[in-house]
Amino acid sequence: MPAPAAAAAADPSSLTAYYWRLASATDASGKSIAALQKGIEHQLRLSFTNDALNIRGGCNAQFGGYTYKNGVLTIANLASTMKACEQSLMQLDAEIGQRMKGELRATQTGDKAEPALELTAQDGTVLKFVGEPTPETLYGSTGKIMFLEVAAKRAECGHPMIPHYQCLMVRERKFNEAGIAQPAQDKWHPLYQSIEGFEHQDGVRTVLRVKRYDRKNPPADAPSKVYVLDLVVEQDASGK
């Protein structure tokens, strides 16, 4: 059996190259932290830009600034959106917000294919995460930001590989510098693939901000473009 990889201070470039999904949470005695088990079930994850941290997977998104130096991750006070959800998810928000603050020792194991990140707080709490490549890492580009309106109903679209396939019907939307939606110019057309991170609800029209990536050397049965959800801009349950 090969020896486990030795832990080392986390690589700053790795922080931003992956989404970090919570895999375990223990206190100073090594006991599992019950309130954070919901975060494992709901795939709570951290994402880093060069100067900001974002936490998703509970009830609300939490976000704030951070610095990283000499193996120490220092997190400023986090802000949060203000939705109300079931009690266990709101408790998860409170617990992860309480643990993800101040100085945490950040160590990394594994390799680029299977990285792991361990954050240890001063009170002995240990949060372990596994890395999943961001779209930028997977596709080697920053992606083009665009807005897609998704119709309330799918439509059969003659998919070349899947008989009777029901496609999302989409059209591109534009917004001016003030953020005001412009009249739709594009016609509705079928999208012969999914939008990563988006789950369509029948009867709900949605406007999404997405990132579109070019897939390098796609297989013959795969699209050359990949769409990844960035933000839900608008939802309309009337379907209009």
C-alpha atoms as a PDB file:
ATOM      1  CA  MET A   1       0.000   0.000   0.000  1.00  0.00           C
ATOM      2  CA  PRO A   2       1.518   3.391  -0.962  1.00  0.00           C
ATOM      3  CA  ALA A   3       2.214   5.871   1.796  1.00  0.00           C
ATOM      4  CA  PRO A   4      -0.324   8.712   2.083  1.00  0.00           C
ATOM      5  CA  ALA A   5       0.749  12.005   0.553  1.00  0.00           C
ATOM      6  CA  ALA A   6       2.369  14.349   3.055  1.00  0.00           C
ATOM      7  CA  ALA A   7       0.480  17.512   3.942  1.00  0.00           C
ATOM      8  CA  ALA A   8       1.981  20.816   2.851  1.00  0.00           C
ATOM      9  CA  ALA A   9       0.919  24.445   3.013  1.00  0.00           C
ATOM     10  CA  ALA A  10      -1.852  25.007   0.485  1.00  0.00           C
ATOM     11  CA  ASP A  11      -0.766  26.321  -2.906  1.00  0.00           C
ATOM     12  CA  PRO A  12      -2.373  29.775  -3.434  1.00  0.00           C
ATOM     13  CA  SER A  13      -3.054  28.979  -7.101  1.00  0.00           C
ATOM     14  CA  SER A  14      -4.876  25.786  -6.078  1.00  0.00           C
ATOM     15  CA  LEU A  15      -7.294  27.721  -3.890  1.00  0.00           C
ATOM     16  CA  THR A  16      -8.738  29.505  -6.921  1.00  0.00           C
ATOM     17  CA  ALA A  17      -8.438  26.565  -9.342  1.00  0.00           C
ATOM     18  CA  TYR A  18     -10.966  24.348  -7.518  1.00  0.00           C
ATOM     19  CA  TYR A  19     -14.300  24.361  -5.787  1.00  0.00           C
ATOM     20  CA  TRP A  20     -13.748  22.904  -2.317  1.00  0.00           C
ATOM     21  CA  ARG A  21     -16.559  20.584  -1.184  1.00  0.00           C
ATOM     22  CA  LEU A  22     -16.924  19.824   2.534  1.00  0.00           C
ATOM     23  CA  ALA A  23     -16.039  16.193   3.274  1.00  0.00           C
ATOM     24  CA  SER A  24     -15.763  16.140   7.090  1.00  0.00           C
ATOM     25  CA  ALA A  25     -15.872  18.429  10.114  1.00  0.00           C
ATOM     26  CA  THR A  26     -14.481  17.535  13.542  1.00  0.00           C
ATOM     27  CA  ASP A  27     -13.890  19.369  16.809  1.00  0.00           C
ATOM     28  CA  ALA A  28     -10.670  19.468  18.838  1.00  0.00           C
ATOM     29  CA  SER A  29     -11.348  16.010  20.285  1.00  0.00           C
ATOM     30  CA  GLY A  30     -11.832  14.499  16.819  1.00  0.00           C
ATOM     31  CA  LYS A  31     -15.601  14.188  17.254  1.00  0.00           C
ATOM     32  CA  SER A  32     -17.823  14.871  14.253  1.00  0.00           C
ATOM     33  CA  ILE A  33     -19.615  18.248  14.420  1.00  0.00           C
ATOM     34  CA  ALA A  34     -23.277  17.305  14.076  1.00  0.00           C
ATOM     35  CA  ALA A  35     -24.530  20.668  12.781  1.00  0.00           C
ATOM     36  CA  LEU A  36     -22.083  20.550   9.867  1.00  0.00           C
ATOM     37  CA  GLN A  37     -23.128  17.085   8.657  1.00  0.00           C
ATOM     38  CA  LYS A  38     -25.909  18.803   6.714  1.00  0.00           C
ATOM     39  CA  GLY A  39     -23.167  20.587   4.775  1.00  0.00           C
ATOM     40  CA  ILE A  40     -21.757  17.251   3.634  1.00  0.00           C
ATOM     41  CA  GLU A  41     -25.199  16.090   2.493  1.00  0.00           C
ATOM     42  CA  HIS A  42     -25.890  19.358   0.652  1.00  0.00           C
ATOM     43  CA  GLN A  43     -22.382  19.551  -0.814  1.00  0.00           C
ATOM     44  CA  LEU A  44     -21.454  22.808   0.855  1.00  0.00           C
ATOM     45  CA  ARG A  45     -18.493  24.254  -0.984  1.00  0.00           C
ATOM     46  CA  LEU A  46     -15.991  27.077  -0.889  1.00  0.00           C
ATOM     47  CA  SER A  47     -14.844  28.998  -3.926  1.00  0.00           C
ATOM     48  CA  PHE A  48     -12.032  31.527  -4.027  1.00  0.00           C
ATOM     49  CA  THR A  49     -11.220  34.382  -6.365  1.00  0.00           C
ATOM     50  CA  ASN A  50      -7.936  36.246  -5.950  1.00  0.00           C
ATOM     51  CA  ASP A  51      -9.361  38.308  -3.071  1.00  0.00           C
ATOM     52  CA  ALA A  52     -12.800  36.948  -2.161  1.00  0.00           C
ATOM     53  CA  LEU A  53     -14.270  33.811  -0.613  1.00  0.00           C
ATOM     54  CA  ASN A  54     -17.760  32.492  -1.330  1.00  0.00           C
ATOM     55  CA  ILE A  55     -19.586  29.743   0.592  1.00  0.00           C
ATOM     56  CA  ARG A  56     -22.617  27.986  -0.907  1.00  0.00           C
ATOM     57  CA  GLY A  57     -24.661  24.938  -0.012  1.00  0.00           C
ATOM     58  CA  GLY A  58     -26.549  26.078   3.054  1.00  0.00           C
ATOM     59  CA  CYS A  59     -29.584  28.340   3.049  1.00  0.00           C
ATOM     60  CA  ASN A  60     -27.756  31.556   2.168  1.00  0.00           C
ATOM     61  CA  ALA A  61     -24.615  32.404   0.250  1.00  0.00           C
ATOM     62  CA  GLN A  62     -21.870  33.829   2.464  1.00  0.00           C
ATOM     63  CA  PHE A  63     -19.012  35.900   1.084  1.00  0.00           C
ATOM     64  CA  GLY A  64     -16.159  38.136   2.137  1.00  0.00           C
ATOM     65  CA  GLY A  65     -12.507  38.960   1.763  1.00  0.00           C
ATOM     66  CA  TYR A  66      -9.527  36.855   2.726  1.00  0.00           C
ATOM     67  CA  THR A  67      -5.751  36.869   2.669  1.00  0.00           C
ATOM     68  CA  TYR A  68      -3.411  33.905   2.421  1.00  0.00           C
ATOM     69  CA  LYS A  69       0.226  33.911   3.460  1.00  0.00           C
ATOM     70  CA  ASN A  70       2.685  31.300   4.722  1.00  0.00           C
ATOM     71  CA  GLY A  71       0.036  28.602   5.062  1.00  0.00           C
ATOM     72  CA  VAL A  72      -2.400  30.789   7.027  1.00  0.00           C
ATOM     73  CA  LEU A  73      -5.800  31.691   5.627  1.00  0.00           C
ATOM     74  CA  THR A  74      -7.182  34.841   7.286  1.00  0.00           C
ATOM     75  CA  ILE A  75     -10.885  35.451   6.678  1.00  0.00           C
ATOM     76  CA  ALA A  76     -12.596  38.785   7.236  1.00  0.00           C
ATOM     77  CA  ASN A  77     -16.139  38.961   8.600  1.00  0.00           C
ATOM     78  CA  LEU A  78     -18.504  37.323   6.136  1.00  0.00           C
ATOM     79  CA  ALA A  79     -21.633  38.937   4.730  1.00  0.00           C
ATOM     80  CA  SER A  80     -24.677  36.872   3.778  1.00  0.00           C
ATOM     81  CA  THR A  81     -27.825  36.882   1.727  1.00  0.00           C
ATOM     82  CA  MET A  82     -30.982  36.905   3.855  1.00  0.00           C
ATOM     83  CA  LYS A  83     -33.315  34.092   2.751  1.00  0.00           C
ATOM     84  CA  ALA A  84     -35.302  32.019   5.225  1.00  0.00           C
ATOM     85  CA  CYS A  85     -35.060  28.222   4.925  1.00  0.00           C
ATOM     86  CA  GLU A  86     -35.592  25.109   6.999  1.00  0.00           C
ATOM     87  CA  GLN A  87     -33.988  25.314  10.429  1.00  0.00           C
ATOM     88  CA  SER A  88     -31.208  22.765   9.772  1.00  0.00           C
ATOM     89  CA  LEU A  89     -29.896  24.756   6.784  1.00  0.00           C
ATOM     90  CA  MET A  90     -29.988  28.024   8.700  1.00  0.00           C
ATOM     91  CA  GLN A  91     -28.132  26.314  11.547  1.00  0.00           C
ATOM     92  CA  LEU A  92     -25.589  25.100   9.005  1.00  0.00           C
ATOM     93  CA  ASP A  93     -25.080  28.696   7.854  1.00  0.00           C
ATOM     94  CA  ALA A  94     -24.502  29.836  11.428  1.00  0.00           C
ATOM     95  CA  GLU A  95     -22.063  27.014  12.183  1.00  0.00           C
ATOM     96  CA  ILE A  96     -19.947  27.368   9.044  1.00  0.00           C
ATOM     97  CA  GLY A  97     -19.904  31.153   9.411  1.00  0.00           C
ATOM     98  CA  GLN A  98     -18.711  30.783  13.000  1.00  0.00           C
ATOM     99  CA  ARG A  99     -15.919  28.360  12.005  1.00  0.00           C
ATOM    100  CA  MET A 100     -14.794  30.187   8.847  1.00  0.00           C
ATOM    101  CA  LYS A 101     -13.374  33.310  10.409  1.00  0.00           C
ATOM    102  CA  GLY A 102     -10.087  34.631  11.711  1.00  0.00           C
ATOM    103  CA  GLU A 103      -6.914  32.641  11.099  1.00  0.00           C
ATOM    104  CA  LEU A 104      -7.009  29.038   9.894  1.00  0.00           C
ATOM    105  CA  ARG A 105      -4.013  26.866   9.075  1.00  0.00           C
ATOM    106  CA  ALA A 106      -4.424  25.621   5.501  1.00  0.00           C
ATOM    107  CA  THR A 107      -2.735  22.405   4.388  1.00  0.00           C
ATOM    108  CA  GLN A 108      -3.115  20.461   1.186  1.00  0.00           C
ATOM    109  CA  THR A 109      -2.663  16.819   0.212  1.00  0.00           C
ATOM    110  CA  GLY A 110      -3.212  14.810  -2.945  1.00  0.00           C
ATOM    111  CA  ASP A 111      -2.371  15.923  -6.466  1.00  0.00           C
ATOM    112  CA  LYS A 112      -3.970  18.023  -9.202  1.00  0.00           C
ATOM    113  CA  ALA A 113      -6.364  15.188 -10.042  1.00  0.00           C
ATOM    114  CA  GLU A 114      -7.563  14.599  -6.463  1.00  0.00           C
ATOM    115  CA  PRO A 115      -6.595  17.525  -4.224  1.00  0.00           C
ATOM    116  CA  ALA A 116      -7.721  17.846  -0.612  1.00  0.00           C
ATOM    117  CA  LEU A 117      -7.710  20.952   1.581  1.00  0.00           C
ATOM    118  CA  GLU A 118      -7.672  20.928   5.391  1.00  0.00           C
ATOM    119  CA  LEU A 119      -8.475  24.047   7.425  1.00  0.00           C
ATOM    120  CA  THR A 120      -7.613  23.979  11.131  1.00  0.00           C
ATOM    121  CA  ALA A 121      -8.973  26.692  13.415  1.00  0.00           C
ATOM    122  CA  GLN A 122      -7.301  27.929  16.581  1.00  0.00           C
ATOM    123  CA  ASP A 123      -9.888  26.084  18.696  1.00  0.00           C
ATOM    124  CA  GLY A 124      -8.897  22.781  17.064  1.00  0.00           C
ATOM    125  CA  THR A 125     -11.809  22.508  14.635  1.00  0.00           C
ATOM    126  CA  VAL A 126     -10.724  20.681  11.460  1.00  0.00           C
ATOM    127  CA  LEU A 127     -12.654  21.150   8.222  1.00  0.00           C
ATOM    128  CA  LYS A 128     -11.657  18.856   5.369  1.00  0.00           C
ATOM    129  CA  PHE A 129     -12.576  19.567   1.761  1.00  0.00           C
ATOM    130  CA  VAL A 130     -12.082  17.792  -1.558  1.00  0.00           C
ATOM    131  CA  GLY A 131     -11.287  19.759  -4.693  1.00  0.00           C
ATOM    132  CA  GLU A 132     -13.390  19.791  -7.859  1.00  0.00           C
ATOM    133  CA  PRO A 133     -11.976  21.738 -10.838  1.00  0.00           C
ATOM    134  CA  THR A 134     -13.688  25.009 -11.671  1.00  0.00           C
ATOM    135  CA  PRO A 135     -14.888  25.428 -15.269  1.00  0.00           C
ATOM    136  CA  GLU A 136     -11.922  27.749 -15.872  1.00  0.00           C
ATOM    137  CA  THR A 137      -9.580  24.945 -14.824  1.00  0.00           C
ATOM    138  CA  LEU A 138     -11.445  22.320 -16.854  1.00  0.00           C
ATOM    139  CA  TYR A 139     -11.745  24.339 -20.056  1.00  0.00           C
ATOM    140  CA  GLY A 140      -8.648  26.514 -19.842  1.00  0.00           C
ATOM    141  CA  SER A 141     -10.354  29.884 -20.294  1.00  0.00           C
ATOM    142  CA  THR A 142     -12.329  32.468 -18.344  1.00  0.00           C
ATOM    143  CA  GLY A 143     -15.518  31.885 -20.319  1.00  0.00           C
ATOM    144  CA  LYS A 144     -17.747  34.411 -22.041  1.00  0.00           C
ATOM    145  CA  ILE A 145     -20.475  35.934 -19.868  1.00  0.00           C
ATOM    146  CA  MET A 146     -23.881  36.091 -21.542  1.00  0.00           C
ATOM    147  CA  PHE A 147     -27.551  36.173 -20.572  1.00  0.00           C
ATOM    148  CA  LEU A 148     -29.987  33.458 -21.608  1.00  0.00           C
ATOM    149  CA  GLU A 149     -33.747  33.520 -21.197  1.00  0.00           C
ATOM    150  CA  VAL A 150     -35.104  30.002 -20.704  1.00  0.00           C
ATOM    151  CA  ALA A 151     -38.712  29.416 -21.702  1.00  0.00           C
ATOM    152  CA  ALA A 152     -41.208  27.978 -19.232  1.00  0.00           C
ATOM    153  CA  LYS A 153     -41.766  24.857 -21.325  1.00  0.00           C
ATOM    154  CA  ARG A 154     -39.355  22.464 -22.961  1.00  0.00           C
ATOM    155  CA  ALA A 155     -40.039  21.389 -26.546  1.00  0.00           C
ATOM    156  CA  GLU A 156     -39.267  18.279 -28.558  1.00  0.00           C
ATOM    157  CA  CYS A 157     -36.349  19.242 -30.727  1.00  0.00           C
ATOM    158  CA  GLY A 158     -35.149  16.340 -32.869  1.00  0.00           C
ATOM    159  CA  HIS A 159     -31.968  15.662 -30.919  1.00  0.00           C
ATOM    160  CA  PRO A 160     -29.585  13.733 -33.225  1.00  0.00           C
ATOM    161  CA  MET A 161     -28.629  11.235 -30.483  1.00  0.00           C
ATOM    162  CA  ILE A 162     -31.767  10.970 -28.290  1.00  0.00           C
ATOM    163  CA  PRO A 163     -35.219  10.244 -29.781  1.00  0.00           C
ATOM    164  CA  HIS A 164     -38.065  12.492 -28.522  1.00  0.00           C
ATOM    165  CA  TYR A 165     -35.619  14.607 -26.541  1.00  0.00           C
ATOM    166  CA  GLN A 166     -37.152  17.662 -24.860  1.00  0.00           C
ATOM    167  CA  CYS A 167     -34.832  20.654 -25.279  1.00  0.00           C
ATOM    168  CA  LEU A 168     -34.657  23.817 -23.271  1.00  0.00           C
ATOM    169  CA  MET A 169     -35.894  26.691 -25.430  1.00  0.00           C
ATOM    170  CA  VAL A 170     -33.642  29.722 -25.049  1.00  0.00           C
ATOM    171  CA  ARG A 171     -32.884  33.140 -26.476  1.00  0.00           C
ATOM    172  CA  GLU A 172     -30.103  35.570 -25.697  1.00  0.00           C
ATOM    173  CA  ARG A 173     -30.943  38.716 -23.739  1.00  0.00           C
ATOM    174  CA  LYS A 174     -29.059  42.009 -23.448  1.00  0.00           C
ATOM    175  CA  PHE A 175     -28.857  44.506 -20.592  1.00  0.00           C
ATOM    176  CA  ASN A 176     -27.734  48.142 -20.835  1.00  0.00           C
ATOM    177  CA  GLU A 177     -25.086  49.772 -18.622  1.00  0.00           C
ATOM    178  CA  ALA A 178     -27.731  50.578 -16.011  1.00  0.00           C
ATOM    179  CA  GLY A 179     -28.683  46.895 -15.800  1.00  0.00           C
ATOM    180  CA  ILE A 180     -32.046  47.371 -17.528  1.00  0.00           C
ATOM    181  CA  ALA A 181     -33.174  44.525 -19.792  1.00  0.00           C
ATOM    182  CA  GLN A 182     -33.455  45.449 -23.449  1.00  0.00           C
ATOM    183  CA  PRO A 183     -36.283  44.138 -25.664  1.00  0.00           C
ATOM    184  CA  ALA A 184     -35.524  40.609 -26.837  1.00  0.00           C
ATOM    185  CA  GLN A 185     -34.116  40.559 -30.374  1.00  0.00           C
ATOM    186  CA  ASP A 186     -33.139  36.899 -30.592  1.00  0.00           C
ATOM    187  CA  LYS A 187     -35.656  34.220 -31.585  1.00  0.00           C
ATOM    188  CA  TRP A 188     -36.372  31.223 -29.388  1.00  0.00           C
ATOM    189  CA  HIS A 189     -34.255  28.235 -30.353  1.00  0.00           C
ATOM    190  CA  PRO A 190     -33.581  24.795 -28.849  1.00  0.00           C
ATOM    191  CA  LEU A 191     -30.514  24.190 -26.710  1.00  0.00           C
ATOM    192  CA  TYR A 192     -29.399  20.611 -27.376  1.00  0.00           C
ATOM    193  CA  GLN A 193     -27.638  20.306 -24.022  1.00  0.00           C
ATOM    194  CA  SER A 194     -28.034  21.185 -20.358  1.00  0.00           C
ATOM    195  CA  ILE A 195     -26.788  24.258 -18.513  1.00  0.00           C
ATOM    196  CA  GLU A 196     -24.469  23.106 -15.743  1.00  0.00           C
ATOM    197  CA  GLY A 197     -25.813  24.081 -12.319  1.00  0.00           C
ATOM    198  CA  PHE A 198     -29.312  24.912 -13.609  1.00  0.00           C
ATOM    199  CA  GLU A 199     -32.397  22.810 -12.923  1.00  0.00           C
ATOM    200  CA  HIS A 200     -35.356  23.735 -15.120  1.00  0.00           C
ATOM    201  CA  GLN A 201     -38.777  23.960 -13.442  1.00  0.00           C
ATOM    202  CA  ASP A 202     -41.691  23.285 -15.727  1.00  0.00           C
ATOM    203  CA  GLY A 203     -43.872  26.387 -16.042  1.00  0.00           C
ATOM    204  CA  VAL A 204     -41.185  28.812 -14.813  1.00  0.00           C
ATOM    205  CA  ARG A 205     -39.555  31.237 -17.246  1.00  0.00           C
ATOM    206  CA  THR A 206     -36.037  32.146 -16.141  1.00  0.00           C
ATOM    207  CA  VAL A 207     -33.323  34.634 -17.119  1.00  0.00           C
ATOM    208  CA  LEU A 208     -29.823  33.370 -16.365  1.00  0.00           C
ATOM    209  CA  ARG A 209     -26.362  34.838 -16.424  1.00  0.00           C
ATOM    210  CA  VAL A 210     -24.150  32.060 -17.737  1.00  0.00           C
ATOM    211  CA  LYS A 211     -20.557  31.533 -18.731  1.00  0.00           C
ATOM    212  CA  ARG A 212     -19.967  29.891 -22.090  1.00  0.00           C
ATOM    213  CA  TYR A 213     -16.772  27.913 -22.562  1.00  0.00           C
ATOM    214  CA  ASP A 214     -15.187  26.364 -25.616  1.00  0.00           C
ATOM    215  CA  ARG A 215     -14.626  22.648 -25.128  1.00  0.00           C
ATOM    216  CA  LYS A 216     -11.222  21.622 -26.466  1.00  0.00           C
ATOM    217  CA  ASN A 217     -11.235  18.532 -28.698  1.00  0.00           C
ATOM    218  CA  PRO A 218     -14.809  17.485 -27.855  1.00  0.00           C
ATOM    219  CA  PRO A 219     -15.886  13.903 -28.584  1.00  0.00           C
ATOM    220  CA  ALA A 220     -17.976  13.434 -31.701  1.00  0.00           C
ATOM    221  CA  ASP A 221     -21.187  13.136 -29.654  1.00  0.00           C
ATOM    222  CA  ALA A 222     -20.461  16.135 -27.379  1.00  0.00           C
ATOM    223  CA  PRO A 223     -21.182  19.840 -28.013  1.00  0.00           C
ATOM    224  CA  SER A 224     -18.275  22.188 -28.655  1.00  0.00           C
ATOM    225  CA  LYS A 225     -19.660  24.766 -26.193  1.00  0.00           C
ATOM    226  CA  VAL A 226     -20.366  24.360 -22.484  1.00  0.00           C
ATOM    227  CA  TYR A 227     -22.822  26.560 -20.564  1.00  0.00           C
ATOM    228  CA  VAL A 228     -22.387  27.013 -16.809  1.00  0.00           C
ATOM    229  CA  LEU A 229     -24.843  28.863 -14.573  1.00  0.00           C
ATOM    230  CA  ASP A 230     -23.359  31.966 -12.970  1.00  0.00           C
ATOM    231  CA  LEU A 231     -26.455  33.718 -11.568  1.00  0.00           C
ATOM    232  CA  VAL A 232     -30.261  33.458 -11.685  1.00  0.00           C
ATOM    233  CA  VAL A 233     -31.318  36.973 -12.705  1.00  0.00           C
ATOM    234  CA  GLU A 234     -35.092  36.588 -12.913  1.00  0.00           C
ATOM    235  CA  GLN A 235     -37.790  33.943 -12.455  1.00  0.00           C
ATOM    236  CA  ASP A 236     -41.424  34.172 -13.509  1.00  0.00           C
ATOM    237  CA  ALA A 237     -43.798  31.402 -12.460  1.00  0.00           C
ATOM    238  CA  SER A 238     -46.534  32.801 -14.698  1.00  0.00           C
ATOM    239  CA  GLY A 239     -44.498  31.493 -17.630  1.00  0.00           C
ATOM    240  CA  LYS A 240     -44.911  34.745 -19.559  1.00  0.00           C
END
